[in-house]
Amino acid sequence: MSDSEDWTPPRVWQWDRESGGRFAAINRPVAGATHEQALAVGSHPLQVYSLATPNGVKVTVMLEELLASGCREAEYDAWLIDITTGEQFGSGFVAINPNSKIPALVDHSTEPPTRVFESGAILLYLAERFGAFLPASHHQRTECLNWLFWQMASAPYLGGGFGHFYAYAPEKIRYAIDRFAMEAKRQLDVLDRHLAEHEYMAGADYSIADMAIWPWYGQLVLGRLYSAAEFLDVAGYRHVGRWAELIDARPAVRRGRMVNRNFGRPEMQLRERHSAEDFETRTWDRIGNDEETS
């Protein structure tokens, strides 16, 4: 008999043991640093501290897209934060993100330097800083932000909900998997209905809304997330599939996927990124279905 079958919640919850599962060793009910660990700083004003999970990929895709568009001021250094070993609880990282989640960015072009945490906030910060990938007109800008914040509110159900209980939980709980699979499919249907009438999320133009949503839902339908494409029958969402493949073909997206990656095929891993030359030894001839983490 499993704990879930014979356990009654106490009147006051207390943390008396690890919860089990892949990330149990780094989960805890308090915030703050666990150890002293300074962050490296490279030569560019923009410093990224991240891992190539869907949330991390958003930011490196945005920066690679800015560079591809000719924005030389978007050059950046990207440093790997290994969340599986607890590096997000180092004192340097906690100082720039008190929530201890990747990604985080520091802009040293300001005095004092500006810290930006939460992936959606970083996308919006960069879009406004460089005047790119965010529509200028009132209605289109609002539509773009609608979908940006839709992703921020929705993806936890896909990642911490479905992904956790389907792929990482120490036991398979049917109620939890059914509940979050239903929600993941509802979200895919929301996207599919919208993309049936729009080329990109905010309309005719590629924007930060696409960069936020694609690493989660685009990679899900491309078979890269939680090995769940067949389970969720993603082939039925053909408009999401069309959009996912359109974005996947962009060279900047392919580069962004590699940055701060320490899992999957070796040729797809670029643990640190300091210049465009770092990609010269990497190839993306075969994108493959490397599974992402959240």
Protein backbone atom coordinates (compact mmCIF):
# COMPACT_ATOMS: atom_id res chain seq x y z
CA MET A 1 0.00 0.00 0.00
CA SER A 2 1.42 3.42 -0.96
CA ASP A 3 1.64 6.46 1.31
CA SER A 4 -1.04 8.17 -0.77
CA GLU A 5 -3.53 5.40 0.05
CA ASP A 6 -3.21 5.39 3.84
CA TRP A 7 -2.03 8.90 4.68
CA THR A 8 -4.26 11.53 6.31
CA PRO A 9 -2.97 15.13 6.17
CA PRO A 10 -1.96 16.35 9.64
CA ARG A 11 -3.45 19.47 11.14
CA VAL A 12 -0.14 21.30 10.62
CA TRP A 13 2.21 20.14 7.86
CA GLN A 14 5.85 19.68 8.78
CA TRP A 15 8.82 18.80 6.60
CA ASP A 16 10.16 15.59 8.11
CA ARG A 17 11.50 13.74 5.06
CA GLU A 18 12.33 14.12 1.38
CA SER A 19 9.35 13.82 -0.93
CA GLY A 20 11.05 11.41 -3.31
CA GLY A 21 11.47 11.68 -7.04
CA ARG A 22 14.17 13.07 -9.27
CA PHE A 23 14.54 16.48 -7.62
CA ALA A 24 13.86 15.51 -3.99
CA ALA A 25 17.39 16.29 -2.80
CA ILE A 26 17.09 19.97 -3.70
CA ASN A 27 13.50 20.59 -2.60
CA ARG A 28 12.97 22.40 0.69
CA PRO A 29 10.27 24.60 2.26
CA VAL A 30 12.44 27.67 2.91
CA ALA A 31 14.14 30.25 0.73
CA GLY A 32 17.60 31.79 0.87
CA ALA A 33 21.13 30.69 0.12
CA THR A 34 22.50 27.36 1.33
CA HIS A 35 26.13 28.09 0.55
CA GLU A 36 28.52 30.81 -0.57
CA GLN A 37 29.08 30.77 -4.33
CA ALA A 38 29.98 33.84 -6.34
CA LEU A 39 28.76 34.20 -9.91
CA ALA A 40 31.19 34.53 -12.79
CA VAL A 41 30.99 37.70 -14.88
CA GLY A 42 32.10 37.81 -18.51
CA SER A 43 33.03 40.64 -20.83
CA HIS A 44 29.58 41.60 -22.12
CA PRO A 45 27.04 43.85 -20.39
CA LEU A 46 24.40 41.10 -20.47
CA GLN A 47 25.09 38.15 -18.19
CA VAL A 48 22.74 35.15 -18.23
CA TYR A 49 22.66 32.48 -15.53
CA SER A 50 20.55 29.57 -16.62
CA LEU A 51 20.01 25.99 -17.73
CA ALA A 52 18.48 24.85 -21.04
CA THR A 53 15.12 23.87 -19.61
CA PRO A 54 12.08 25.33 -21.42
CA ASN A 55 12.20 28.41 -19.20
CA GLY A 56 15.90 28.90 -19.80
CA VAL A 57 15.60 28.37 -23.56
CA LYS A 58 13.19 31.31 -23.82
CA VAL A 59 15.91 33.79 -22.91
CA THR A 60 18.77 32.36 -24.95
CA VAL A 61 16.48 32.13 -27.99
CA MET A 62 15.55 35.80 -27.52
CA LEU A 63 19.19 36.85 -27.31
CA GLU A 64 20.18 34.78 -30.35
CA GLU A 65 17.25 36.25 -32.29
CA LEU A 66 18.34 39.77 -31.37
CA LEU A 67 21.87 39.03 -32.56
CA ALA A 68 20.56 37.45 -35.77
CA SER A 69 18.54 40.62 -36.44
CA GLY A 70 21.75 42.68 -36.33
CA CYS A 71 21.52 43.94 -32.75
CA ARG A 72 25.19 43.74 -31.74
CA GLU A 73 24.46 45.25 -28.31
CA ALA A 74 22.70 42.00 -27.40
CA GLU A 75 25.97 40.07 -27.13
CA TYR A 76 25.96 38.11 -23.91
CA ASP A 77 27.73 35.64 -21.67
CA ALA A 78 25.71 32.63 -20.54
CA TRP A 79 26.75 30.65 -17.46
CA LEU A 80 25.31 27.26 -16.57
CA ILE A 81 23.43 26.92 -13.29
CA ASP A 82 22.98 23.22 -12.55
CA ILE A 83 19.67 23.05 -10.70
CA THR A 84 20.05 19.30 -10.10
CA THR A 85 22.98 19.96 -7.76
CA GLY A 86 21.54 23.03 -6.03
CA GLU A 87 23.63 25.76 -7.66
CA GLN A 88 20.51 27.97 -7.71
CA PHE A 89 20.86 28.22 -3.92
CA GLY A 90 24.34 29.73 -4.08
CA SER A 91 24.64 33.17 -2.52
CA GLY A 92 25.48 34.90 -5.80
CA PHE A 93 22.48 33.49 -7.62
CA VAL A 94 20.09 34.15 -4.74
CA ALA A 95 21.25 37.78 -4.77
CA ILE A 96 19.96 38.21 -8.33
CA ASN A 97 16.92 35.94 -7.94
CA PRO A 98 15.63 35.52 -4.39
CA ASN A 99 13.25 32.86 -5.74
CA SER A 100 16.20 30.63 -6.72
CA LYS A 101 14.79 29.70 -10.15
CA ILE A 102 16.50 29.89 -13.52
CA PRO A 103 16.84 31.91 -15.68
CA ALA A 104 18.19 35.17 -14.31
CA LEU A 105 19.89 38.05 -16.07
CA VAL A 106 22.08 40.96 -15.00
CA ASP A 107 22.44 44.01 -17.24
CA HIS A 108 25.74 45.71 -16.45
CA SER A 109 25.09 48.55 -18.89
CA THR A 110 23.15 50.36 -16.14
CA GLU A 111 24.47 51.90 -12.93
CA PRO A 112 23.91 50.09 -10.67
CA PRO A 113 23.54 46.86 -12.68
CA THR A 114 19.95 45.76 -13.22
CA ARG A 115 18.87 42.30 -12.13
CA VAL A 116 15.96 40.67 -13.96
CA PHE A 117 14.40 37.41 -12.90
CA GLU A 118 11.41 35.37 -14.15
CA SER A 119 11.65 34.35 -17.80
CA GLY A 120 8.67 36.44 -18.93
CA ALA A 121 10.08 39.53 -17.25
CA ILE A 122 13.43 38.96 -18.98
CA LEU A 123 11.78 38.65 -22.40
CA LEU A 124 9.83 41.85 -21.84
CA TYR A 125 12.90 43.66 -20.50
CA LEU A 126 14.98 42.73 -23.54
CA ALA A 127 12.17 43.52 -25.98
CA GLU A 128 11.77 47.00 -24.51
CA ARG A 129 15.50 47.58 -24.14
CA PHE A 130 16.22 46.79 -27.79
CA GLY A 131 12.87 47.71 -29.36
CA ALA A 132 12.38 44.30 -30.96
CA PHE A 133 9.92 41.38 -31.04
CA LEU A 134 7.22 43.40 -29.27
CA PRO A 135 4.58 45.10 -31.45
CA ALA A 136 4.40 48.87 -31.21
CA SER A 137 0.68 49.34 -31.82
CA HIS A 138 -1.61 49.32 -28.80
CA HIS A 139 -3.80 46.39 -29.84
CA GLN A 140 -1.00 44.17 -31.13
CA ARG A 141 1.23 44.87 -28.13
CA THR A 142 -1.61 43.98 -25.79
CA GLU A 143 -2.30 40.77 -27.70
CA CYS A 144 1.37 39.83 -27.46
CA LEU A 145 1.38 40.45 -23.71
CA ASN A 146 -1.88 38.51 -23.34
CA TRP A 147 -0.17 35.41 -24.67
CA LEU A 148 3.10 36.05 -22.83
CA PHE A 149 1.28 36.07 -19.51
CA TRP A 150 -0.96 33.18 -20.60
CA GLN A 151 2.19 31.11 -20.85
CA MET A 152 3.49 32.19 -17.47
CA ALA A 153 0.19 31.22 -15.85
CA SER A 154 -0.41 28.02 -17.84
CA ALA A 155 2.96 26.26 -18.09
CA PRO A 156 3.16 25.37 -14.36
CA TYR A 157 0.23 23.02 -14.98
CA LEU A 158 2.16 21.43 -17.83
CA GLY A 159 5.52 21.28 -16.03
CA GLY A 160 4.99 21.10 -12.28
CA GLY A 161 1.64 19.40 -12.81
CA PHE A 162 1.59 16.98 -15.72
CA GLY A 163 5.35 16.70 -16.22
CA HIS A 164 6.06 16.05 -12.57
CA PHE A 165 3.43 13.40 -11.98
CA TYR A 166 3.85 11.72 -15.38
CA ALA A 167 7.66 11.71 -15.61
CA TYR A 168 9.27 12.43 -12.23
CA ALA A 169 7.03 11.45 -9.30
CA PRO A 170 8.25 8.38 -7.39
CA GLU A 171 4.87 6.71 -7.87
CA LYS A 172 2.25 6.93 -10.61
CA ILE A 173 -0.90 8.49 -9.17
CA ARG A 174 -3.73 8.12 -11.64
CA TYR A 175 -5.81 10.98 -10.26
CA ALA A 176 -2.90 13.44 -10.58
CA ILE A 177 -1.89 12.27 -14.06
CA ASP A 178 -5.47 12.31 -15.32
CA ARG A 179 -6.08 15.75 -13.83
CA PHE A 180 -3.03 17.38 -15.35
CA ALA A 181 -3.15 15.48 -18.66
CA MET A 182 -6.66 16.85 -19.09
CA GLU A 183 -5.41 20.38 -18.42
CA ALA A 184 -2.40 19.98 -20.74
CA LYS A 185 -4.71 18.87 -23.55
CA ARG A 186 -7.09 21.75 -22.84
CA GLN A 187 -4.19 24.18 -23.14
CA LEU A 188 -3.08 22.60 -26.41
CA ASP A 189 -6.63 23.02 -27.69
CA VAL A 190 -6.55 26.71 -26.70
CA LEU A 191 -3.38 27.13 -28.76
CA ASP A 192 -4.61 25.04 -31.66
CA ARG A 193 -7.82 27.03 -32.05
CA HIS A 194 -5.88 30.30 -31.92
CA LEU A 195 -3.17 29.21 -34.33
CA ALA A 196 -5.77 28.00 -36.81
CA GLU A 197 -6.38 31.69 -37.51
CA HIS A 198 -2.95 33.23 -36.84
CA GLU A 199 0.51 32.49 -38.19
CA TYR A 200 2.16 33.43 -34.89
CA MET A 201 0.78 33.93 -31.41
CA ALA A 202 0.35 37.70 -31.64
CA GLY A 203 -0.71 37.72 -35.31
CA ALA A 204 1.38 37.96 -38.45
CA ASP A 205 4.71 38.65 -36.75
CA TYR A 206 7.02 36.54 -34.62
CA SER A 207 7.28 37.95 -31.09
CA ILE A 208 8.27 37.30 -27.50
CA ALA A 209 4.92 35.51 -27.08
CA ASP A 210 6.17 32.80 -29.46
CA MET A 211 9.54 32.67 -27.71
CA ALA A 212 7.79 32.13 -24.38
CA ILE A 213 5.31 29.48 -25.53
CA TRP A 214 7.38 27.45 -28.01
CA PRO A 215 9.95 25.97 -25.58
CA TRP A 216 7.07 24.39 -23.66
CA TYR A 217 4.22 23.61 -26.03
CA GLY A 218 6.16 23.63 -29.29
CA GLN A 219 8.69 21.16 -27.98
CA LEU A 220 5.91 19.08 -26.46
CA VAL A 221 4.31 18.49 -29.87
CA LEU A 222 7.76 17.94 -31.42
CA GLY A 223 8.28 15.03 -29.03
CA ARG A 224 10.96 16.57 -26.81
CA LEU A 225 9.13 17.05 -23.53
CA TYR A 226 8.58 14.31 -20.93
CA SER A 227 8.43 11.62 -23.69
CA ALA A 228 4.71 12.37 -23.60
CA ALA A 229 3.82 13.13 -27.23
CA GLU A 230 2.08 9.79 -27.80
CA PHE A 231 0.42 9.77 -24.38
CA LEU A 232 -1.13 13.20 -25.00
CA ASP A 233 -1.89 12.40 -28.68
CA VAL A 234 -0.25 15.65 -29.77
CA ALA A 235 -0.57 14.81 -33.47
CA GLY A 236 -4.18 15.91 -33.24
CA TYR A 237 -3.13 19.54 -32.69
CA ARG A 238 -2.05 20.17 -36.26
CA HIS A 239 -2.04 23.97 -36.08
CA VAL A 240 0.26 23.87 -33.06
CA GLY A 241 2.40 21.40 -34.98
CA ARG A 242 2.64 23.71 -37.99
CA TRP A 243 3.66 26.63 -35.77
CA ALA A 244 6.12 24.51 -33.77
CA GLU A 245 7.94 23.36 -36.91
CA LEU A 246 8.01 26.90 -38.31
CA ILE A 247 9.80 28.20 -35.22
CA ASP A 248 11.99 25.12 -34.84
CA ALA A 249 13.52 25.81 -38.28
CA ARG A 250 14.85 29.22 -37.24
CA PRO A 251 18.67 29.15 -36.85
CA ALA A 252 18.56 31.42 -33.80
CA VAL A 253 16.12 29.05 -32.09
CA ARG A 254 18.43 26.13 -32.79
CA ARG A 255 21.34 28.02 -31.29
CA GLY A 256 19.30 29.12 -28.31
CA ARG A 257 18.39 25.52 -27.53
CA MET A 258 22.06 24.58 -27.21
CA VAL A 259 23.10 27.27 -24.74
CA ASN A 260 23.54 26.15 -21.10
CA ARG A 261 22.61 22.61 -22.08
CA ASN A 262 24.26 19.79 -20.12
CA PHE A 263 22.01 16.90 -21.14
CA GLY A 264 21.07 15.08 -24.34
CA ARG A 265 23.39 14.49 -27.27
CA PRO A 266 26.88 15.98 -26.85
CA GLU A 267 26.74 17.89 -30.14
CA MET A 268 23.66 19.75 -28.86
CA GLN A 269 25.38 20.89 -25.65
CA LEU A 270 26.99 24.29 -25.18
CA ARG A 271 27.44 24.58 -21.43
CA GLU A 272 28.65 28.19 -21.60
CA ARG A 273 28.30 30.77 -24.33
CA HIS A 274 30.54 33.83 -24.66
CA SER A 275 30.55 34.56 -28.40
CA ALA A 276 29.08 33.35 -31.68
CA GLU A 277 32.29 31.43 -32.27
CA ASP A 278 31.32 29.02 -29.50
CA PHE A 279 28.80 27.44 -31.88
CA GLU A 280 31.37 26.54 -34.52
CA THR A 281 32.03 23.11 -33.06
CA ARG A 282 28.33 22.30 -32.73
CA THR A 283 25.93 20.98 -35.36
CA TRP A 284 22.19 20.89 -35.69
CA ASP A 285 21.83 18.79 -38.83
CA ARG A 286 19.71 16.37 -36.80
CA ILE A 287 17.63 18.20 -34.20
CA GLY A 288 16.36 14.97 -32.65
CA ASN A 289 14.03 14.47 -29.74
CA ASP A 290 16.27 15.13 -26.77
CA GLU A 291 14.06 15.34 -23.73
CA GLU A 292 13.99 18.65 -21.89
CA THR A 293 13.59 19.14 -18.14
CA SER A 294 11.49 21.80 -16.51
